[in-house]
Amino acid sequence: MKPVLYAFLGAVTGTLAAVCILHVRLDDLPGFWRSSEFDLFPGVIFGLVFGSVFWAEGRLKPIGVIAFVLAATISNALAVIAGDAVDRPVAALLGAEDTSDLVFGLSGMIAGALGGGLLGYTSERLLRVSGWWRLMAAGGALGPLLLFGLRSHSGLYAFYIVWQAGYAATMATMGARKK
């Protein structure tokens, strides 16, 4: 039952992230840069919702919630930056255009594995569970959905809803750490 609940909450966070990305502009504010919405909103929203869930479950203290929000935000931001950074090298390696579906799919896989793995590793420490590699694998497997997110507003919703739901469901499967 927990994976279904977590998937539902992940879908909610994905929906909220897409709404914020599409309708809240940060690049006009001092200290923000182009497309900061992609770097900031998905991680902050996911971190706030699931940090609160873990607190309600008695798995995190308030300071742990803050650490989880920061970890989710930083992991997402690094994934976005990595996804942008690997487009050209991946394209050159494959001899493809850097806007091709194959390049975006592979870049999304790399970025998803990086961001998913970072948050997974941090979650393992904060929540005292095992299986961070599952979250890295889930992030990588869900990463190619980035193709949909880059094509249209509805695709952006689909990407974030499915990615965050899948990641959250996988998070629910992390087991207790063996002593």
C-alpha atoms as a PDB file:
ATOM      1  CA  MET A   1       0.000   0.000   0.000  1.00  0.00           C
ATOM      2  CA  LYS A   2       2.839   2.402   0.801  1.00  0.00           C
ATOM      3  CA  PRO A   3       4.214   2.447  -2.784  1.00  0.00           C
ATOM      4  CA  VAL A   4       0.750   3.382  -4.089  1.00  0.00           C
ATOM      5  CA  LEU A   5       0.394   6.221  -1.573  1.00  0.00           C
ATOM      6  CA  TYR A   6       3.904   7.462  -2.278  1.00  0.00           C
ATOM      7  CA  ALA A   7       3.269   7.264  -6.043  1.00  0.00           C
ATOM      8  CA  PHE A   8       0.098   9.325  -5.615  1.00  0.00           C
ATOM      9  CA  LEU A   9       1.964  11.940  -3.560  1.00  0.00           C
ATOM     10  CA  GLY A  10       4.760  11.903  -6.132  1.00  0.00           C
ATOM     11  CA  ALA A  11       2.216  12.575  -8.876  1.00  0.00           C
ATOM     12  CA  VAL A  12       0.910  15.502  -6.835  1.00  0.00           C
ATOM     13  CA  THR A  13       4.419  16.905  -6.389  1.00  0.00           C
ATOM     14  CA  GLY A  14       5.079  16.447 -10.102  1.00  0.00           C
ATOM     15  CA  THR A  15       1.900  18.310 -10.965  1.00  0.00           C
ATOM     16  CA  LEU A  16       2.772  21.166  -8.611  1.00  0.00           C
ATOM     17  CA  ALA A  17       6.315  21.314  -9.995  1.00  0.00           C
ATOM     18  CA  ALA A  18       5.038  21.589 -13.577  1.00  0.00           C
ATOM     19  CA  VAL A  19       2.512  24.275 -12.594  1.00  0.00           C
ATOM     20  CA  CYS A  20       5.242  26.306 -10.894  1.00  0.00           C
ATOM     21  CA  ILE A  21       7.708  25.870 -13.756  1.00  0.00           C
ATOM     22  CA  LEU A  22       5.144  27.031 -16.292  1.00  0.00           C
ATOM     23  CA  HIS A  23       3.528  29.832 -14.310  1.00  0.00           C
ATOM     24  CA  VAL A  24       6.033  31.242 -11.799  1.00  0.00           C
ATOM     25  CA  ARG A  25       8.890  33.219 -13.351  1.00  0.00           C
ATOM     26  CA  LEU A  26      12.047  33.558 -11.297  1.00  0.00           C
ATOM     27  CA  ASP A  27      14.418  34.921 -13.929  1.00  0.00           C
ATOM     28  CA  ASP A  28      13.212  38.497 -13.327  1.00  0.00           C
ATOM     29  CA  LEU A  29      14.174  38.335  -9.656  1.00  0.00           C
ATOM     30  CA  PRO A  30      17.650  39.374  -8.481  1.00  0.00           C
ATOM     31  CA  GLY A  31      19.983  36.439  -7.969  1.00  0.00           C
ATOM     32  CA  PHE A  32      18.134  34.047 -10.291  1.00  0.00           C
ATOM     33  CA  TRP A  33      19.220  32.989 -13.730  1.00  0.00           C
ATOM     34  CA  ARG A  34      17.566  31.699 -16.872  1.00  0.00           C
ATOM     35  CA  SER A  35      15.296  28.727 -16.258  1.00  0.00           C
ATOM     36  CA  SER A  36      15.881  28.638 -12.504  1.00  0.00           C
ATOM     37  CA  GLU A  37      12.363  27.219 -12.223  1.00  0.00           C
ATOM     38  CA  PHE A  38      13.579  23.824 -13.490  1.00  0.00           C
ATOM     39  CA  ASP A  39      16.446  23.829 -10.997  1.00  0.00           C
ATOM     40  CA  LEU A  40      14.398  24.867  -8.000  1.00  0.00           C
ATOM     41  CA  PHE A  41      10.716  23.890  -7.956  1.00  0.00           C
ATOM     42  CA  PRO A  42      10.741  20.099  -8.503  1.00  0.00           C
ATOM     43  CA  GLY A  43      13.252  19.471  -5.719  1.00  0.00           C
ATOM     44  CA  VAL A  44      11.797  21.957  -3.246  1.00  0.00           C
ATOM     45  CA  ILE A  45       8.242  20.666  -3.691  1.00  0.00           C
ATOM     46  CA  PHE A  46       9.229  16.993  -3.588  1.00  0.00           C
ATOM     47  CA  GLY A  47      11.432  17.648  -0.566  1.00  0.00           C
ATOM     48  CA  LEU A  48       8.750  19.558   1.347  1.00  0.00           C
ATOM     49  CA  VAL A  49       6.042  16.977   0.720  1.00  0.00           C
ATOM     50  CA  PHE A  50       8.125  13.868   1.400  1.00  0.00           C
ATOM     51  CA  GLY A  51      10.109  15.460   4.221  1.00  0.00           C
ATOM     52  CA  SER A  52       6.737  16.167   5.846  1.00  0.00           C
ATOM     53  CA  VAL A  53       5.596  12.596   5.200  1.00  0.00           C
ATOM     54  CA  PHE A  54       8.739  11.207   6.800  1.00  0.00           C
ATOM     55  CA  TRP A  55       8.265  13.539   9.772  1.00  0.00           C
ATOM     56  CA  ALA A  56       4.607  12.425  10.132  1.00  0.00           C
ATOM     57  CA  GLU A  57       5.767   8.798  10.006  1.00  0.00           C
ATOM     58  CA  GLY A  58       8.254   9.531  12.807  1.00  0.00           C
ATOM     59  CA  ARG A  59      11.223   8.855  10.535  1.00  0.00           C
ATOM     60  CA  LEU A  60      12.646  12.395  10.549  1.00  0.00           C
ATOM     61  CA  LYS A  61      12.940  15.125  13.140  1.00  0.00           C
ATOM     62  CA  PRO A  62      12.385  18.735  12.019  1.00  0.00           C
ATOM     63  CA  ILE A  63      16.101  19.214  11.303  1.00  0.00           C
ATOM     64  CA  GLY A  64      15.987  16.050   9.205  1.00  0.00           C
ATOM     65  CA  VAL A  65      13.086  17.502   7.201  1.00  0.00           C
ATOM     66  CA  ILE A  66      15.183  20.584   6.467  1.00  0.00           C
ATOM     67  CA  ALA A  67      18.101  18.368   5.433  1.00  0.00           C
ATOM     68  CA  PHE A  68      15.810  16.305   3.188  1.00  0.00           C
ATOM     69  CA  VAL A  69      14.393  19.424   1.495  1.00  0.00           C
ATOM     70  CA  LEU A  70      17.912  20.718   0.888  1.00  0.00           C
ATOM     71  CA  ALA A  71      19.059  17.336  -0.424  1.00  0.00           C
ATOM     72  CA  ALA A  72      16.081  17.055  -2.784  1.00  0.00           C
ATOM     73  CA  THR A  73      16.606  20.613  -4.039  1.00  0.00           C
ATOM     74  CA  ILE A  74      20.348  20.205  -4.585  1.00  0.00           C
ATOM     75  CA  SER A  75      19.954  16.748  -6.173  1.00  0.00           C
ATOM     76  CA  ASN A  76      17.370  18.051  -8.628  1.00  0.00           C
ATOM     77  CA  ALA A  77      19.407  21.162  -9.459  1.00  0.00           C
ATOM     78  CA  LEU A  78      22.537  19.084 -10.108  1.00  0.00           C
ATOM     79  CA  ALA A  79      20.527  16.706 -12.294  1.00  0.00           C
ATOM     80  CA  VAL A  80      19.212  19.619 -14.386  1.00  0.00           C
ATOM     81  CA  ILE A  81      22.688  21.109 -14.717  1.00  0.00           C
ATOM     82  CA  ALA A  82      24.162  17.705 -15.617  1.00  0.00           C
ATOM     83  CA  GLY A  83      21.443  17.079 -18.194  1.00  0.00           C
ATOM     84  CA  ASP A  84      22.280  20.380 -19.880  1.00  0.00           C
ATOM     85  CA  ALA A  85      26.023  19.760 -19.620  1.00  0.00           C
ATOM     86  CA  VAL A  86      26.069  16.309 -21.217  1.00  0.00           C
ATOM     87  CA  ASP A  87      23.909  17.084 -24.281  1.00  0.00           C
ATOM     88  CA  ARG A  88      26.790  18.195 -26.506  1.00  0.00           C
ATOM     89  CA  PRO A  89      29.312  15.543 -25.435  1.00  0.00           C
ATOM     90  CA  VAL A  90      26.708  12.783 -25.868  1.00  0.00           C
ATOM     91  CA  ALA A  91      25.785  14.185 -29.289  1.00  0.00           C
ATOM     92  CA  ALA A  92      29.443  14.306 -30.334  1.00  0.00           C
ATOM     93  CA  LEU A  93      30.021  10.754 -29.109  1.00  0.00           C
ATOM     94  CA  LEU A  94      27.016   9.501 -31.087  1.00  0.00           C
ATOM     95  CA  GLY A  95      27.556  11.725 -34.104  1.00  0.00           C
ATOM     96  CA  ALA A  96      24.031  13.088 -33.660  1.00  0.00           C
ATOM     97  CA  GLU A  97      22.397  16.494 -33.367  1.00  0.00           C
ATOM     98  CA  ASP A  98      22.392  17.732 -29.788  1.00  0.00           C
ATOM     99  CA  THR A  99      18.616  18.161 -30.020  1.00  0.00           C
ATOM    100  CA  SER A 100      17.880  14.623 -31.204  1.00  0.00           C
ATOM    101  CA  ASP A 101      15.587  12.304 -29.291  1.00  0.00           C
ATOM    102  CA  LEU A 102      18.430   9.864 -28.680  1.00  0.00           C
ATOM    103  CA  VAL A 103      20.633  12.569 -27.167  1.00  0.00           C
ATOM    104  CA  PHE A 104      17.834  13.927 -24.960  1.00  0.00           C
ATOM    105  CA  GLY A 105      16.938  10.401 -23.871  1.00  0.00           C
ATOM    106  CA  LEU A 106      20.510   9.531 -22.907  1.00  0.00           C
ATOM    107  CA  SER A 107      21.059  12.909 -21.267  1.00  0.00           C
ATOM    108  CA  GLY A 108      17.865  12.401 -19.267  1.00  0.00           C
ATOM    109  CA  MET A 109      19.063   8.951 -18.233  1.00  0.00           C
ATOM    110  CA  ILE A 110      22.401  10.307 -17.022  1.00  0.00           C
ATOM    111  CA  ALA A 111      20.799  13.268 -15.236  1.00  0.00           C
ATOM    112  CA  GLY A 112      18.080  11.096 -13.682  1.00  0.00           C
ATOM    113  CA  ALA A 113      20.600   8.581 -12.385  1.00  0.00           C
ATOM    114  CA  LEU A 114      22.757  11.346 -10.930  1.00  0.00           C
ATOM    115  CA  GLY A 115      19.938  13.238  -9.219  1.00  0.00           C
ATOM    116  CA  GLY A 116      18.127  10.073  -8.179  1.00  0.00           C
ATOM    117  CA  GLY A 117      21.312   8.558  -6.816  1.00  0.00           C
ATOM    118  CA  LEU A 118      22.278  11.665  -4.855  1.00  0.00           C
ATOM    119  CA  LEU A 119      18.889  11.955  -3.182  1.00  0.00           C
ATOM    120  CA  GLY A 120      18.799   8.179  -2.694  1.00  0.00           C
ATOM    121  CA  TYR A 121      22.176   8.153  -0.971  1.00  0.00           C
ATOM    122  CA  THR A 122      21.192  11.067   1.258  1.00  0.00           C
ATOM    123  CA  SER A 123      17.824   9.456   2.012  1.00  0.00           C
ATOM    124  CA  GLU A 124      19.571   6.252   3.004  1.00  0.00           C
ATOM    125  CA  ARG A 125      21.569   8.176   5.596  1.00  0.00           C
ATOM    126  CA  LEU A 126      18.735  10.385   6.851  1.00  0.00           C
ATOM    127  CA  LEU A 127      16.063   7.670   7.017  1.00  0.00           C
ATOM    128  CA  ARG A 128      18.379   4.850   8.116  1.00  0.00           C
ATOM    129  CA  VAL A 129      17.278   2.599   5.270  1.00  0.00           C
ATOM    130  CA  SER A 130      19.122   0.676   2.578  1.00  0.00           C
ATOM    131  CA  GLY A 131      18.807   0.487  -1.178  1.00  0.00           C
ATOM    132  CA  TRP A 132      19.924   3.920  -2.420  1.00  0.00           C
ATOM    133  CA  TRP A 133      20.968   2.240  -5.686  1.00  0.00           C
ATOM    134  CA  ARG A 134      17.278   1.511  -6.403  1.00  0.00           C
ATOM    135  CA  LEU A 135      16.631   5.234  -6.510  1.00  0.00           C
ATOM    136  CA  MET A 136      19.619   5.777  -8.776  1.00  0.00           C
ATOM    137  CA  ALA A 137      18.294   3.057 -11.094  1.00  0.00           C
ATOM    138  CA  ALA A 138      14.755   4.477 -10.982  1.00  0.00           C
ATOM    139  CA  GLY A 139      16.041   7.971 -11.770  1.00  0.00           C
ATOM    140  CA  GLY A 140      18.035   6.636 -14.721  1.00  0.00           C
ATOM    141  CA  ALA A 141      15.169   4.509 -16.000  1.00  0.00           C
ATOM    142  CA  LEU A 142      12.709   7.413 -15.761  1.00  0.00           C
ATOM    143  CA  GLY A 143      15.185   9.934 -17.185  1.00  0.00           C
ATOM    144  CA  PRO A 144      14.428   9.329 -20.884  1.00  0.00           C
ATOM    145  CA  LEU A 145      10.911  10.644 -20.220  1.00  0.00           C
ATOM    146  CA  LEU A 146      12.625  14.018 -20.444  1.00  0.00           C
ATOM    147  CA  LEU A 147      11.812  13.803 -24.169  1.00  0.00           C
ATOM    148  CA  PHE A 148       8.164  14.469 -23.370  1.00  0.00           C
ATOM    149  CA  GLY A 149       8.992  17.290 -20.994  1.00  0.00           C
ATOM    150  CA  LEU A 150      10.851  19.193 -23.676  1.00  0.00           C
ATOM    151  CA  ARG A 151       8.150  19.025 -26.337  1.00  0.00           C
ATOM    152  CA  SER A 152       5.095  20.743 -24.896  1.00  0.00           C
ATOM    153  CA  HIS A 153       3.415  21.992 -21.747  1.00  0.00           C
ATOM    154  CA  SER A 154       1.366  18.809 -21.505  1.00  0.00           C
ATOM    155  CA  GLY A 155       4.579  16.836 -21.968  1.00  0.00           C
ATOM    156  CA  LEU A 156       6.154  18.752 -19.107  1.00  0.00           C
ATOM    157  CA  TYR A 157       3.250  17.737 -16.871  1.00  0.00           C
ATOM    158  CA  ALA A 158       3.558  14.119 -18.025  1.00  0.00           C
ATOM    159  CA  PHE A 159       7.312  14.089 -17.385  1.00  0.00           C
ATOM    160  CA  TYR A 160       7.160  15.460 -13.849  1.00  0.00           C
ATOM    161  CA  ILE A 161       4.043  13.523 -12.829  1.00  0.00           C
ATOM    162  CA  VAL A 162       5.397  10.171 -14.010  1.00  0.00           C
ATOM    163  CA  TRP A 163       9.004  10.793 -12.940  1.00  0.00           C
ATOM    164  CA  GLN A 164       8.186  11.915  -9.421  1.00  0.00           C
ATOM    165  CA  ALA A 165       5.477   9.258  -8.965  1.00  0.00           C
ATOM    166  CA  GLY A 166       7.835   6.494 -10.092  1.00  0.00           C
ATOM    167  CA  TYR A 167      10.686   7.771  -7.974  1.00  0.00           C
ATOM    168  CA  ALA A 168       8.456   8.118  -4.907  1.00  0.00           C
ATOM    169  CA  ALA A 169       7.039   4.604  -5.336  1.00  0.00           C
ATOM    170  CA  THR A 170      10.588   3.278  -5.515  1.00  0.00           C
ATOM    171  CA  MET A 171      11.472   5.259  -2.391  1.00  0.00           C
ATOM    172  CA  ALA A 172       8.729   3.370  -0.547  1.00  0.00           C
ATOM    173  CA  THR A 173      10.562   0.093  -1.277  1.00  0.00           C
ATOM    174  CA  MET A 174      13.750   1.045   0.531  1.00  0.00           C
ATOM    175  CA  GLY A 175      14.251  -1.438   3.319  1.00  0.00           C
ATOM    176  CA  ALA A 176      15.384  -1.123   6.909  1.00  0.00           C
ATOM    177  CA  ARG A 177      19.135  -1.069   7.258  1.00  0.00           C
ATOM    178  CA  LYS A 178      20.574  -4.338   8.548  1.00  0.00           C
ATOM    179  CA  LYS A 179      22.459  -4.038  11.790  1.00  0.00           C
END
